[in-house]
């Protein structure tokens, strides 16, 4: 799945402007790793979008997408990269764009 296909799904469920989407992929296979990040204009927009997206049952190929605040775990500490980013996960690795619509 690519960023454009995921964007088309998310704009149907969120009335906050999405600035960008980054889906992480495996460098060798090119397949999605099943998670990514949604970027918004500011922290307030991200929180509003997170509230809207978590209340809805957005599924792709019978898998419910999971939305959360991004938190990275490092040895001995935790930090969030940006307050205007929402973490999205649980989409299938071998999904093609036509199955997202």
PDB file of N, CA and C in Angstrom:
ATOM      1  N   UNK A   1       0.857  -1.172   0.000  1.00  0.00           N
ATOM      2  CA  UNK A   1       0.000   0.000   0.000  1.00  0.00           C
ATOM      3  C   UNK A   1       0.903   1.236   0.000  1.00  0.00           C
ATOM      4  N   UNK A   2       0.483   2.253  -0.704  1.00  0.00           N
ATOM      5  CA  UNK A   2       1.304   3.460  -0.715  1.00  0.00           C
ATOM      6  C   UNK A   2       0.583   4.608  -0.021  1.00  0.00           C
ATOM      7  N   UNK A   3       1.285   5.712   0.102  1.00  0.00           N
ATOM      8  CA  UNK A   3       0.762   6.867   0.844  1.00  0.00           C
ATOM      9  C   UNK A   3      -0.500   7.445   0.208  1.00  0.00           C
ATOM     10  N   UNK A   4      -0.570   7.455  -1.113  1.00  0.00           N
ATOM     11  CA  UNK A   4      -1.734   8.031  -1.798  1.00  0.00           C
ATOM     12  C   UNK A   4      -2.985   7.207  -1.512  1.00  0.00           C
ATOM     13  N   UNK A   5      -2.861   5.886  -1.573  1.00  0.00           N
ATOM     14  CA  UNK A   5      -4.014   5.018  -1.312  1.00  0.00           C
ATOM     15  C   UNK A   5      -4.491   5.156   0.130  1.00  0.00           C
ATOM     16  N   UNK A   6      -3.565   5.199   1.073  1.00  0.00           N
ATOM     17  CA  UNK A   6      -3.947   5.370   2.475  1.00  0.00           C
ATOM     18  C   UNK A   6      -4.562   6.744   2.705  1.00  0.00           C
ATOM     19  N   UNK A   7      -4.039   7.773   2.061  1.00  0.00           N
ATOM     20  CA  UNK A   7      -4.592   9.120   2.160  1.00  0.00           C
ATOM     21  C   UNK A   7      -6.063   9.125   1.735  1.00  0.00           C
ATOM     22  N   UNK A   8      -6.378   8.445   0.631  1.00  0.00           N
ATOM     23  CA  UNK A   8      -7.768   8.398   0.139  1.00  0.00           C
ATOM     24  C   UNK A   8      -8.711   7.783   1.162  1.00  0.00           C
ATOM     25  N   UNK A   9      -8.230   6.798   1.899  1.00  0.00           N
ATOM     26  CA  UNK A   9      -9.049   6.171   2.937  1.00  0.00           C
ATOM     27  C   UNK A   9      -9.231   7.124   4.112  1.00  0.00           C
ATOM     28  N   UNK A  10      -8.153   7.744   4.555  1.00  0.00           N
ATOM     29  CA  UNK A  10      -8.198   8.568   5.757  1.00  0.00           C
ATOM     30  C   UNK A  10      -9.015   9.843   5.597  1.00  0.00           C
ATOM     31  N   UNK A  11      -8.979  10.471   4.426  1.00  0.00           N
ATOM     32  CA  UNK A  11      -9.727  11.723   4.258  1.00  0.00           C
ATOM     33  C   UNK A  11     -11.227  11.492   4.345  1.00  0.00           C
ATOM     34  N   UNK A  12     -11.671  10.282   4.158  1.00  0.00           N
ATOM     35  CA  UNK A  12     -13.102   9.967   4.299  1.00  0.00           C
ATOM     36  C   UNK A  12     -13.523   9.931   5.764  1.00  0.00           C
ATOM     37  N   UNK A  13     -12.565   9.778   6.667  1.00  0.00           N
ATOM     38  CA  UNK A  13     -12.866   9.584   8.087  1.00  0.00           C
ATOM     39  C   UNK A  13     -12.342  10.696   8.990  1.00  0.00           C
ATOM     40  N   UNK A  14     -11.738  11.701   8.408  1.00  0.00           N
ATOM     41  CA  UNK A  14     -11.089  12.741   9.217  1.00  0.00           C
ATOM     42  C   UNK A  14     -11.283  14.097   8.539  1.00  0.00           C
ATOM     43  N   UNK A  15     -11.766  15.097   9.284  1.00  0.00           N
ATOM     44  CA  UNK A  15     -11.994  16.412   8.676  1.00  0.00           C
ATOM     45  C   UNK A  15     -10.847  17.391   8.955  1.00  0.00           C
ATOM     46  N   UNK A  16      -9.699  16.870   9.368  1.00  0.00           N
ATOM     47  CA  UNK A  16      -8.513  17.685   9.611  1.00  0.00           C
ATOM     48  C   UNK A  16      -7.580  17.513   8.409  1.00  0.00           C
ATOM     49  N   UNK A  17      -6.976  18.626   7.972  1.00  0.00           N
ATOM     50  CA  UNK A  17      -6.086  18.563   6.808  1.00  0.00           C
ATOM     51  C   UNK A  17      -4.852  17.707   7.104  1.00  0.00           C
ATOM     52  N   UNK A  18      -4.619  16.723   6.239  1.00  0.00           N
ATOM     53  CA  UNK A  18      -3.451  15.858   6.348  1.00  0.00           C
ATOM     54  C   UNK A  18      -2.336  16.476   5.516  1.00  0.00           C
ATOM     55  N   UNK A  19      -1.181  16.717   6.136  1.00  0.00           N
ATOM     56  CA  UNK A  19      -0.054  17.336   5.459  1.00  0.00           C
ATOM     57  C   UNK A  19       0.752  16.293   4.689  1.00  0.00           C
ATOM     58  N   UNK A  20       0.909  15.107   5.274  1.00  0.00           N
ATOM     59  CA  UNK A  20       1.687  14.064   4.618  1.00  0.00           C
ATOM     60  C   UNK A  20       1.503  12.726   5.300  1.00  0.00           C
ATOM     61  N   UNK A  21       1.864  11.672   4.580  1.00  0.00           N
ATOM     62  CA  UNK A  21       1.804  10.312   5.106  1.00  0.00           C
ATOM     63  C   UNK A  21       3.092   9.613   4.716  1.00  0.00           C
ATOM     64  N   UNK A  22       3.670   8.884   5.652  1.00  0.00           N
ATOM     65  CA  UNK A  22       4.857   8.095   5.361  1.00  0.00           C
ATOM     66  C   UNK A  22       4.605   6.663   5.817  1.00  0.00           C
ATOM     67  N   UNK A  23       4.639   5.730   4.879  1.00  0.00           N
ATOM     68  CA  UNK A  23       4.512   4.314   5.194  1.00  0.00           C
ATOM     69  C   UNK A  23       5.904   3.705   5.121  1.00  0.00           C
ATOM     70  N   UNK A  24       6.291   3.014   6.157  1.00  0.00           N
ATOM     71  CA  UNK A  24       7.614   2.393   6.167  1.00  0.00           C
ATOM     72  C   UNK A  24       7.577   1.072   5.411  1.00  0.00           C
ATOM     73  N   UNK A  25       8.584   0.856   4.589  1.00  0.00           N
ATOM     74  CA  UNK A  25       8.645  -0.356   3.780  1.00  0.00           C
ATOM     75  C   UNK A  25       9.958  -1.089   4.013  1.00  0.00           C
ATOM     76  N   UNK A  26       9.928  -2.372   3.724  1.00  0.00           N
ATOM     77  CA  UNK A  26      11.126  -3.188   3.795  1.00  0.00           C
ATOM     78  C   UNK A  26      12.034  -2.820   2.634  1.00  0.00           C
ATOM     79  N   UNK A  27      13.305  -2.597   2.915  1.00  0.00           N
ATOM     80  CA  UNK A  27      14.239  -2.158   1.877  1.00  0.00           C
ATOM     81  C   UNK A  27      14.467  -3.211   0.799  1.00  0.00           C
ATOM     82  N   UNK A  28      14.389  -4.473   1.152  1.00  0.00           N
ATOM     83  CA  UNK A  28      14.660  -5.545   0.191  1.00  0.00           C
ATOM     84  C   UNK A  28      13.421  -5.921  -0.607  1.00  0.00           C
ATOM     85  N   UNK A  29      12.318  -6.223   0.088  1.00  0.00           N
ATOM     86  CA  UNK A  29      11.113  -6.685  -0.608  1.00  0.00           C
ATOM     87  C   UNK A  29      10.263  -5.548  -1.151  1.00  0.00           C
ATOM     88  N   UNK A  30      10.390  -4.360  -0.544  1.00  0.00           N
ATOM     89  CA  UNK A  30       9.550  -3.235  -0.939  1.00  0.00           C
ATOM     90  C   UNK A  30       8.150  -3.293  -0.351  1.00  0.00           C
ATOM     91  N   UNK A  31       7.845  -4.342   0.415  1.00  0.00           N
ATOM     92  CA  UNK A  31       6.530  -4.475   1.035  1.00  0.00           C
ATOM     93  C   UNK A  31       6.403  -3.558   2.244  1.00  0.00           C
ATOM     94  N   UNK A  32       5.176  -3.177   2.515  1.00  0.00           N
ATOM     95  CA  UNK A  32       4.897  -2.355   3.687  1.00  0.00           C
ATOM     96  C   UNK A  32       5.290  -3.111   4.943  1.00  0.00           C
ATOM     97  N   UNK A  33       5.773  -2.389   5.939  1.00  0.00           N
ATOM     98  CA  UNK A  33       6.060  -3.001   7.238  1.00  0.00           C
ATOM     99  C   UNK A  33       4.804  -3.030   8.114  1.00  0.00           C
ATOM    100  N   UNK A  34       3.703  -2.511   7.593  1.00  0.00           N
ATOM    101  CA  UNK A  34       2.446  -2.552   8.333  1.00  0.00           C
ATOM    102  C   UNK A  34       2.189  -1.357   9.220  1.00  0.00           C
ATOM    103  N   UNK A  35       3.045  -0.335   9.116  1.00  0.00           N
ATOM    104  CA  UNK A  35       2.819   0.854   9.930  1.00  0.00           C
ATOM    105  C   UNK A  35       3.399   2.091   9.242  1.00  0.00           C
ATOM    106  N   UNK A  36       2.988   3.250   9.744  1.00  0.00           N
ATOM    107  CA  UNK A  36       3.471   4.496   9.182  1.00  0.00           C
ATOM    108  C   UNK A  36       3.063   5.671  10.048  1.00  0.00           C
ATOM    109  N   UNK A  37       3.217   6.864   9.492  1.00  0.00           N
ATOM    110  CA  UNK A  37       2.951   8.085  10.240  1.00  0.00           C
ATOM    111  C   UNK A  37       2.146   9.059   9.387  1.00  0.00           C
ATOM    112  N   UNK A  38       1.213   9.747  10.030  1.00  0.00           N
ATOM    113  CA  UNK A  38       0.382  10.754   9.377  1.00  0.00           C
ATOM    114  C   UNK A  38       0.787  12.096   9.968  1.00  0.00           C
ATOM    115  N   UNK A  39       1.116  13.040   9.117  1.00  0.00           N
ATOM    116  CA  UNK A  39       1.590  14.345   9.564  1.00  0.00           C
ATOM    117  C   UNK A  39       0.497  15.394   9.397  1.00  0.00           C
ATOM    118  N   UNK A  40       0.326  16.229  10.417  1.00  0.00           N
ATOM    119  CA  UNK A  40      -0.666  17.300  10.409  1.00  0.00           C
ATOM    120  C   UNK A  40       0.026  18.640  10.613  1.00  0.00           C
ATOM    121  N   UNK A  41      -0.713  19.739  10.442  1.00  0.00           N
ATOM    122  CA  UNK A  41      -0.133  21.082  10.559  1.00  0.00           C
ATOM    123  C   UNK A  41       0.413  21.389  11.946  1.00  0.00           C
ATOM    124  N   UNK A  42      -0.279  20.932  12.981  1.00  0.00           N
ATOM    125  CA  UNK A  42       0.153  21.236  14.344  1.00  0.00           C
ATOM    126  C   UNK A  42      -0.359  20.170  15.296  1.00  0.00           C
ATOM    127  N   UNK A  43       0.051  20.286  16.549  1.00  0.00           N
ATOM    128  CA  UNK A  43      -0.320  19.306  17.559  1.00  0.00           C
ATOM    129  C   UNK A  43      -1.813  19.238  17.819  1.00  0.00           C
ATOM    130  N   UNK A  44      -2.468  20.380  17.791  1.00  0.00           N
ATOM    131  CA  UNK A  44      -3.916  20.414  18.022  1.00  0.00           C
ATOM    132  C   UNK A  44      -4.659  19.663  16.923  1.00  0.00           C
ATOM    133  N   UNK A  45      -4.241  19.848  15.682  1.00  0.00           N
ATOM    134  CA  UNK A  45      -4.858  19.131  14.557  1.00  0.00           C
ATOM    135  C   UNK A  45      -4.632  17.633  14.679  1.00  0.00           C
ATOM    136  N   UNK A  46      -3.426  17.250  15.085  1.00  0.00           N
ATOM    137  CA  UNK A  46      -3.110  15.828  15.240  1.00  0.00           C
ATOM    138  C   UNK A  46      -3.978  15.195  16.328  1.00  0.00           C
ATOM    139  N   UNK A  47      -4.165  15.895  17.444  1.00  0.00           N
ATOM    140  CA  UNK A  47      -4.997  15.356  18.522  1.00  0.00           C
ATOM    141  C   UNK A  47      -6.455  15.235  18.093  1.00  0.00           C
ATOM    142  N   UNK A  48      -6.939  16.225  17.363  1.00  0.00           N
ATOM    143  CA  UNK A  48      -8.318  16.175  16.866  1.00  0.00           C
ATOM    144  C   UNK A  48      -8.481  14.997  15.907  1.00  0.00           C
ATOM    145  N   UNK A  49      -7.535  14.836  14.995  1.00  0.00           N
ATOM    146  CA  UNK A  49      -7.598  13.735  14.030  1.00  0.00           C
ATOM    147  C   UNK A  49      -7.504  12.390  14.739  1.00  0.00           C
ATOM    148  N   UNK A  50      -6.625  12.290  15.718  1.00  0.00           N
ATOM    149  CA  UNK A  50      -6.476  11.045  16.465  1.00  0.00           C
ATOM    150  C   UNK A  50      -7.789  10.675  17.143  1.00  0.00           C
ATOM    151  N   UNK A  51      -8.460  11.660  17.724  1.00  0.00           N
ATOM    152  CA  UNK A  51      -9.762  11.420  18.344  1.00  0.00           C
ATOM    153  C   UNK A  51     -10.791  10.935  17.339  1.00  0.00           C
ATOM    154  N   UNK A  52     -10.815  11.527  16.160  1.00  0.00           N
ATOM    155  CA  UNK A  52     -11.764  11.128  15.121  1.00  0.00           C
ATOM    156  C   UNK A  52     -11.460   9.729  14.588  1.00  0.00           C
ATOM    157  N   UNK A  53     -10.192   9.451  14.333  1.00  0.00           N
ATOM    158  CA  UNK A  53      -9.811   8.183  13.714  1.00  0.00           C
ATOM    159  C   UNK A  53      -9.951   6.997  14.661  1.00  0.00           C
ATOM    160  N   UNK A  54      -9.664   7.196  15.948  1.00  0.00           N
ATOM    161  CA  UNK A  54      -9.759   6.077  16.894  1.00  0.00           C
ATOM    162  C   UNK A  54     -11.202   5.700  17.204  1.00  0.00           C
ATOM    163  N   UNK A  55     -12.139   6.609  16.987  1.00  0.00           N
ATOM    164  CA  UNK A  55     -13.550   6.323  17.253  1.00  0.00           C
ATOM    165  C   UNK A  55     -14.208   5.528  16.125  1.00  0.00           C
ATOM    166  N   UNK A  56     -13.529   5.410  15.004  1.00  0.00           N
ATOM    167  CA  UNK A  56     -14.130   4.757  13.849  1.00  0.00           C
ATOM    168  C   UNK A  56     -13.481   3.407  13.595  1.00  0.00           C
ATOM    169  N   UNK A  57     -14.257   2.539  12.984  1.00  0.00           N
ATOM    170  CA  UNK A  57     -13.772   1.202  12.653  1.00  0.00           C
ATOM    171  C   UNK A  57     -13.302   1.210  11.201  1.00  0.00           C
ATOM    172  N   UNK A  58     -12.063   1.645  10.988  1.00  0.00           N
ATOM    173  CA  UNK A  58     -11.513   1.726   9.640  1.00  0.00           C
ATOM    174  C   UNK A  58     -10.757   0.434   9.380  1.00  0.00           C
ATOM    175  N   UNK A  59     -11.262  -0.353   8.458  1.00  0.00           N
ATOM    176  CA  UNK A  59     -10.642  -1.642   8.182  1.00  0.00           C
ATOM    177  C   UNK A  59     -10.153  -1.705   6.741  1.00  0.00           C
ATOM    178  N   UNK A  60      -9.070  -2.423   6.575  1.00  0.00           N
ATOM    179  CA  UNK A  60      -8.543  -2.730   5.256  1.00  0.00           C
ATOM    180  C   UNK A  60      -8.322  -4.236   5.228  1.00  0.00           C
ATOM    181  N   UNK A  61      -9.022  -4.896   4.330  1.00  0.00           N
ATOM    182  CA  UNK A  61      -8.898  -6.349   4.194  1.00  0.00           C
ATOM    183  C   UNK A  61      -9.131  -7.043   5.537  1.00  0.00           C
ATOM    184  N   UNK A  62     -10.212  -6.653   6.210  1.00  0.00           N
ATOM    185  CA  UNK A  62     -10.661  -7.209   7.482  1.00  0.00           C
ATOM    186  C   UNK A  62      -9.693  -6.987   8.645  1.00  0.00           C
ATOM    187  N   UNK A  63      -8.783  -6.036   8.507  1.00  0.00           N
ATOM    188  CA  UNK A  63      -7.878  -5.682   9.608  1.00  0.00           C
ATOM    189  C   UNK A  63      -8.151  -4.247  10.013  1.00  0.00           C
ATOM    190  N   UNK A  64      -8.494  -4.055  11.281  1.00  0.00           N
ATOM    191  CA  UNK A  64      -8.784  -2.711  11.787  1.00  0.00           C
ATOM    192  C   UNK A  64      -7.490  -1.931  11.951  1.00  0.00           C
ATOM    193  N   UNK A  65      -7.461  -0.734  11.370  1.00  0.00           N
ATOM    194  CA  UNK A  65      -6.290   0.124  11.527  1.00  0.00           C
ATOM    195  C   UNK A  65      -6.220   0.631  12.960  1.00  0.00           C
ATOM    196  N   UNK A  66      -5.018   0.749  13.477  1.00  0.00           N
ATOM    197  CA  UNK A  66      -4.785   1.219  14.837  1.00  0.00           C
ATOM    198  C   UNK A  66      -4.100   2.578  14.747  1.00  0.00           C
ATOM    199  N   UNK A  67      -4.636   3.546  15.473  1.00  0.00           N
ATOM    200  CA  UNK A  67      -4.084   4.899  15.496  1.00  0.00           C
ATOM    201  C   UNK A  67      -3.640   5.231  16.915  1.00  0.00           C
ATOM    202  N   UNK A  68      -2.503   5.894  17.042  1.00  0.00           N
ATOM    203  CA  UNK A  68      -1.985   6.225  18.371  1.00  0.00           C
ATOM    204  C   UNK A  68      -0.988   7.370  18.246  1.00  0.00           C
ATOM    205  N   UNK A  69      -0.599   7.913  19.391  1.00  0.00           N
ATOM    206  CA  UNK A  69       0.462   8.916  19.404  1.00  0.00           C
ATOM    207  C   UNK A  69       1.778   8.178  19.187  1.00  0.00           C
ATOM    208  N   UNK A  70       2.669   8.716  18.361  1.00  0.00           N
ATOM    209  CA  UNK A  70       3.935   8.012  18.131  1.00  0.00           C
ATOM    210  C   UNK A  70       4.888   8.174  19.310  1.00  0.00           C
ATOM    211  N   UNK A  71       5.364   7.067  19.805  1.00  0.00           N
ATOM    212  CA  UNK A  71       6.342   7.077  20.883  1.00  0.00           C
ATOM    213  C   UNK A  71       7.438   6.103  20.500  1.00  0.00           C
ATOM    214  N   UNK A  72       8.653   6.544  20.538  1.00  0.00           N
ATOM    215  CA  UNK A  72       9.797   5.702  20.214  1.00  0.00           C
ATOM    216  C   UNK A  72      10.481   5.298  21.504  1.00  0.00           C
ATOM    217  N   UNK A  73      10.847   4.044  21.592  1.00  0.00           N
ATOM    218  CA  UNK A  73      11.527   3.538  22.776  1.00  0.00           C
ATOM    219  C   UNK A  73      13.025   3.456  22.502  1.00  0.00           C
ATOM    220  N   UNK A  74      13.770   4.090  23.328  1.00  0.00           N
ATOM    221  CA  UNK A  74      15.221   4.058  23.235  1.00  0.00           C
ATOM    222  C   UNK A  74      15.722   3.531  24.574  1.00  0.00           C
ATOM    223  N   UNK A  75      16.932   3.016  24.606  1.00  0.00           N
ATOM    224  CA  UNK A  75      17.456   2.550  25.894  1.00  0.00           C
ATOM    225  C   UNK A  75      17.383   3.650  26.951  1.00  0.00           C
ATOM    226  N   UNK A  76      16.755   3.338  28.037  1.00  0.00           N
ATOM    227  CA  UNK A  76      16.675   4.212  29.207  1.00  0.00           C
ATOM    228  C   UNK A  76      15.787   5.448  29.030  1.00  0.00           C
ATOM    229  N   UNK A  77      15.174   5.654  27.865  1.00  0.00           N
ATOM    230  CA  UNK A  77      14.303   6.833  27.751  1.00  0.00           C
ATOM    231  C   UNK A  77      13.260   6.644  26.650  1.00  0.00           C
ATOM    232  N   UNK A  78      12.225   7.443  26.721  1.00  0.00           N
ATOM    233  CA  UNK A  78      11.162   7.438  25.738  1.00  0.00           C
ATOM    234  C   UNK A  78      10.990   8.865  25.227  1.00  0.00           C
ATOM    235  N   UNK A  79      10.742   9.006  23.942  1.00  0.00           N
ATOM    236  CA  UNK A  79      10.479  10.342  23.441  1.00  0.00           C
ATOM    237  C   UNK A  79       9.529  10.278  22.248  1.00  0.00           C
ATOM    238  N   UNK A  80       8.806  11.337  22.037  1.00  0.00           N
ATOM    239  CA  UNK A  80       7.896  11.461  20.908  1.00  0.00           C
ATOM    240  C   UNK A  80       8.547  12.379  19.883  1.00  0.00           C
ATOM    241  N   UNK A  81       8.595  11.979  18.611  1.00  0.00           N
ATOM    242  CA  UNK A  81       9.300  12.773  17.621  1.00  0.00           C
ATOM    243  C   UNK A  81       8.658  14.118  17.306  1.00  0.00           C
ATOM    244  N   UNK A  82       7.343  14.175  17.325  1.00  0.00           N
ATOM    245  CA  UNK A  82       6.655  15.410  16.993  1.00  0.00           C
ATOM    246  C   UNK A  82       5.220  15.330  17.481  1.00  0.00           C
ATOM    247  N   UNK A  83       4.713  16.444  17.970  1.00  0.00           N
ATOM    248  CA  UNK A  83       3.334  16.433  18.454  1.00  0.00           C
ATOM    249  C   UNK A  83       2.321  16.505  17.326  1.00  0.00           C
ATOM    250  N   UNK A  84       2.751  16.781  16.099  1.00  0.00           N
ATOM    251  CA  UNK A  84       1.787  16.841  14.997  1.00  0.00           C
ATOM    252  C   UNK A  84       1.807  15.585  14.124  1.00  0.00           C
ATOM    253  N   UNK A  85       2.186  14.465  14.711  1.00  0.00           N
ATOM    254  CA  UNK A  85       2.219  13.203  13.978  1.00  0.00           C
ATOM    255  C   UNK A  85       1.338  12.181  14.677  1.00  0.00           C
ATOM    256  N   UNK A  86       0.618  11.382  13.885  1.00  0.00           N
ATOM    257  CA  UNK A  86      -0.187  10.277  14.398  1.00  0.00           C
ATOM    258  C   UNK A  86       0.378   8.996  13.812  1.00  0.00           C
ATOM    259  N   UNK A  87       0.531   7.990  14.650  1.00  0.00           N
ATOM    260  CA  UNK A  87       1.045   6.680  14.249  1.00  0.00           C
ATOM    261  C   UNK A  87      -0.118   5.821  13.765  1.00  0.00           C
ATOM    262  N   UNK A  88       0.037   5.126  12.653  1.00  0.00           N
ATOM    263  CA  UNK A  88      -0.989   4.217  12.139  1.00  0.00           C
ATOM    264  C   UNK A  88      -0.338   2.858  11.910  1.00  0.00           C
ATOM    265  N   UNK A  89      -1.046   1.800  12.309  1.00  0.00           N
ATOM    266  CA  UNK A  89      -0.483   0.459  12.148  1.00  0.00           C
ATOM    267  C   UNK A  89      -1.578  -0.569  11.882  1.00  0.00           C
ATOM    268  N   UNK A  90      -1.140  -1.777  11.679  1.00  0.00           N
ATOM    269  CA  UNK A  90      -1.970  -2.960  11.503  1.00  0.00           C
ATOM    270  C   UNK A  90      -2.526  -3.125  10.093  1.00  0.00           C
ATOM    271  N   UNK A  91      -1.916  -2.495   9.094  1.00  0.00           N
ATOM    272  CA  UNK A  91      -2.380  -2.824   7.748  1.00  0.00           C
ATOM    273  C   UNK A  91      -1.524  -3.946   7.185  1.00  0.00           C
ATOM    274  N   UNK A  92      -2.130  -4.782   6.313  1.00  0.00           N
ATOM    275  CA  UNK A  92      -1.413  -5.953   5.788  1.00  0.00           C
ATOM    276  C   UNK A  92      -0.169  -5.572   5.000  1.00  0.00           C
ATOM    277  N   UNK A  93       0.861  -6.393   5.110  1.00  0.00           N
ATOM    278  CA  UNK A  93       2.126  -6.138   4.420  1.00  0.00           C
ATOM    279  C   UNK A  93       2.006  -6.278   2.921  1.00  0.00           C
ATOM    280  N   UNK A  94       1.228  -7.246   2.459  1.00  0.00           N
ATOM    281  CA  UNK A  94       1.180  -7.546   1.024  1.00  0.00           C
ATOM    282  C   UNK A  94      -0.053  -6.955   0.343  1.00  0.00           C
ATOM    283  N   UNK A  95      -0.498  -5.848   0.824  1.00  0.00           N
ATOM    284  CA  UNK A  95      -1.697  -5.205   0.295  1.00  0.00           C
ATOM    285  C   UNK A  95      -1.361  -4.370  -0.926  1.00  0.00           C
ATOM    286  N   UNK A  96      -2.205  -4.474  -1.940  1.00  0.00           N
ATOM    287  CA  UNK A  96      -1.984  -3.578  -3.091  1.00  0.00           C
ATOM    288  C   UNK A  96      -2.982  -2.422  -3.025  1.00  0.00           C
ATOM    289  N   UNK A  97      -2.733  -1.382  -3.799  1.00  0.00           N
ATOM    290  CA  UNK A  97      -3.537  -0.169  -3.727  1.00  0.00           C
ATOM    291  C   UNK A  97      -4.990  -0.387  -4.110  1.00  0.00           C
ATOM    292  N   UNK A  98      -5.278  -1.336  -4.972  1.00  0.00           N
ATOM    293  CA  UNK A  98      -6.650  -1.570  -5.401  1.00  0.00           C
ATOM    294  C   UNK A  98      -7.484  -2.180  -4.280  1.00  0.00           C
ATOM    295  N   UNK A  99      -6.853  -2.869  -3.339  1.00  0.00           N
ATOM    296  CA  UNK A  99      -7.568  -3.463  -2.224  1.00  0.00           C
ATOM    297  C   UNK A  99      -7.877  -2.454  -1.125  1.00  0.00           C
ATOM    298  N   UNK A 100      -7.264  -1.296  -1.189  1.00  0.00           N
ATOM    299  CA  UNK A 100      -7.480  -0.256  -0.172  1.00  0.00           C
ATOM    300  C   UNK A 100      -8.742   0.511  -0.428  1.00  0.00           C
ATOM    301  N   UNK A 101      -9.057   0.787  -1.673  1.00  0.00           N
ATOM    302  CA  UNK A 101     -10.203   1.623  -2.032  1.00  0.00           C
ATOM    303  C   UNK A 101     -11.434   1.118  -1.399  1.00  0.00           C
TER     304      UNK A 101
END
